[in-house]
């Protein structure tokens, strides 16, 4: 039996479907991974992911990715991969930032399943 036919995803249209911050939405899935879209504003909390790396791509805005020993500023079109186990804190201090985040299926956005926002499909 064949899988469903692939379909395109319009990222701008998906972002228009929600307005809350720090609450990622799943735009697509592939190979046990989730492509999440998130709008962020202000500072998130310090956290890490024990078992998986995390990719952040800035779709719009400027994001500071803070690490305990430094901070990396990301502009529109730039990305960073945070290795598993590395403590980090995303910050959007200069206004709302739109992110594409790639995580393994079910990875809690907070690093802790008890406090995580469970992403839903958009």
Protein backbone atom coordinates (compact mmCIF):
# COMPACT_ATOMS: atom_id res chain seq x y z
CA UNK A 1 0.00 0.00 0.00
CA UNK A 2 1.39 3.40 -0.98
CA UNK A 3 1.76 6.27 1.46
CA UNK A 4 -0.31 9.42 1.01
CA UNK A 5 0.88 11.75 -1.73
CA UNK A 6 3.22 14.48 -0.51
CA UNK A 7 1.74 17.92 -0.11
CA UNK A 8 3.39 21.30 0.13
CA UNK A 9 3.31 23.43 3.27
CA UNK A 10 3.00 27.21 3.08
CA UNK A 11 4.87 28.40 6.16
CA UNK A 12 3.40 31.93 6.12
CA UNK A 13 -0.13 30.51 6.03
CA UNK A 14 0.66 28.18 8.94
CA UNK A 15 2.06 31.05 11.02
CA UNK A 16 -1.16 33.02 10.37
CA UNK A 17 -3.18 30.28 12.12
CA UNK A 18 -1.91 31.04 15.63
CA UNK A 19 -0.74 33.97 17.72
CA UNK A 20 0.41 32.61 21.08
CA UNK A 21 4.07 32.59 22.03
CA UNK A 22 6.28 29.68 23.08
CA UNK A 23 3.63 27.17 21.93
CA UNK A 24 5.04 25.31 18.92
CA UNK A 25 2.80 23.85 16.22
CA UNK A 26 3.64 20.84 14.08
CA UNK A 27 3.73 21.79 10.39
CA UNK A 28 5.10 18.47 9.10
CA UNK A 29 6.59 15.14 10.13
CA UNK A 30 9.35 13.06 8.55
CA UNK A 31 11.48 10.07 9.63
CA UNK A 32 10.37 10.28 13.26
CA UNK A 33 10.94 14.03 13.42
CA UNK A 34 8.63 17.01 13.78
CA UNK A 35 8.96 20.29 11.90
CA UNK A 36 7.55 22.80 14.37
CA UNK A 37 6.65 26.45 13.92
CA UNK A 38 6.75 28.79 16.89
CA UNK A 39 6.27 32.45 17.59
CA UNK A 40 8.42 33.63 20.48
CA UNK A 41 8.69 36.84 22.46
CA UNK A 42 10.81 37.59 25.52
CA UNK A 43 12.92 34.99 27.28
CA UNK A 44 12.30 31.26 27.55
CA UNK A 45 13.76 29.34 30.48
CA UNK A 46 17.05 27.50 30.71
CA UNK A 47 16.72 23.86 29.65
CA UNK A 48 18.36 21.03 27.74
CA UNK A 49 17.33 17.89 25.87
CA UNK A 50 18.99 14.69 27.06
CA UNK A 51 18.47 12.52 24.02
CA UNK A 52 18.29 14.70 20.92
CA UNK A 53 19.80 17.68 19.13
CA UNK A 54 17.52 20.63 18.32
CA UNK A 55 17.61 22.79 15.20
CA UNK A 56 16.37 26.41 15.22
CA UNK A 57 15.89 28.34 11.95
CA UNK A 58 14.87 32.00 12.20
CA UNK A 59 12.11 32.65 9.66
CA UNK A 60 11.59 36.25 10.76
CA UNK A 61 13.19 38.46 13.41
CA UNK A 62 16.29 38.26 15.58
CA UNK A 63 16.85 35.54 18.17
CA UNK A 64 19.51 35.34 20.86
CA UNK A 65 20.40 31.76 21.71
CA UNK A 66 22.01 31.90 25.11
CA UNK A 67 24.38 29.30 26.45
CA UNK A 68 25.94 29.38 29.92
CA UNK A 69 29.25 30.63 28.48
CA UNK A 70 28.12 32.80 25.54
CA UNK A 71 25.27 34.09 23.41
CA UNK A 72 24.77 33.67 19.66
CA UNK A 73 22.57 36.13 17.76
CA UNK A 74 20.60 34.73 14.83
CA UNK A 75 18.99 36.89 12.14
CA UNK A 76 16.35 35.99 9.57
CA UNK A 77 17.58 33.07 7.46
CA UNK A 78 20.15 31.87 10.00
CA UNK A 79 20.05 28.67 12.01
CA UNK A 80 21.77 26.88 14.84
CA UNK A 81 21.84 23.28 16.01
CA UNK A 82 21.96 22.86 19.78
CA UNK A 83 23.58 19.50 20.59
CA UNK A 84 21.87 17.10 22.98
CA UNK A 85 22.62 17.80 26.62
CA UNK A 86 23.65 21.45 26.06
CA UNK A 87 21.80 23.90 28.28
CA UNK A 88 20.32 26.79 26.31
CA UNK A 89 17.78 29.59 26.48
CA UNK A 90 16.18 31.15 23.40
CA UNK A 91 15.41 34.87 23.79
CA UNK A 92 13.48 37.29 21.57
CA UNK A 93 14.10 40.64 23.23
CA UNK A 94 13.65 42.90 20.19
CA UNK A 95 10.14 41.82 19.22
CA UNK A 96 8.38 38.71 18.05
CA UNK A 97 10.44 36.06 16.28
CA UNK A 98 9.10 33.33 14.00
CA UNK A 99 11.01 30.07 14.22
CA UNK A 100 11.11 26.74 12.46
CA UNK A 101 12.29 24.15 14.98
CA UNK A 102 13.15 20.56 14.18
CA UNK A 103 12.89 18.02 16.99
CA UNK A 104 12.58 14.29 17.33
CA UNK A 105 8.93 13.22 17.58
CA UNK A 106 7.54 13.98 21.04
CA UNK A 107 10.51 15.99 22.31
CA UNK A 108 9.26 18.35 25.04
CA UNK A 109 9.98 21.99 24.20
CA UNK A 110 10.96 22.66 27.81
CA UNK A 111 13.25 19.66 28.17
CA UNK A 112 10.86 18.35 30.83
CA UNK A 113 7.75 16.39 29.81
CA UNK A 114 5.87 17.54 32.93
CA UNK A 115 6.09 21.23 31.98
CA UNK A 116 6.13 21.00 28.19
CA UNK A 117 3.59 22.44 25.77
CA UNK A 118 2.32 19.53 23.72
CA UNK A 119 2.52 20.71 20.10
CA UNK A 120 -0.54 20.24 17.92
CA UNK A 121 -0.77 20.05 14.14
CA UNK A 122 -1.48 23.20 12.10
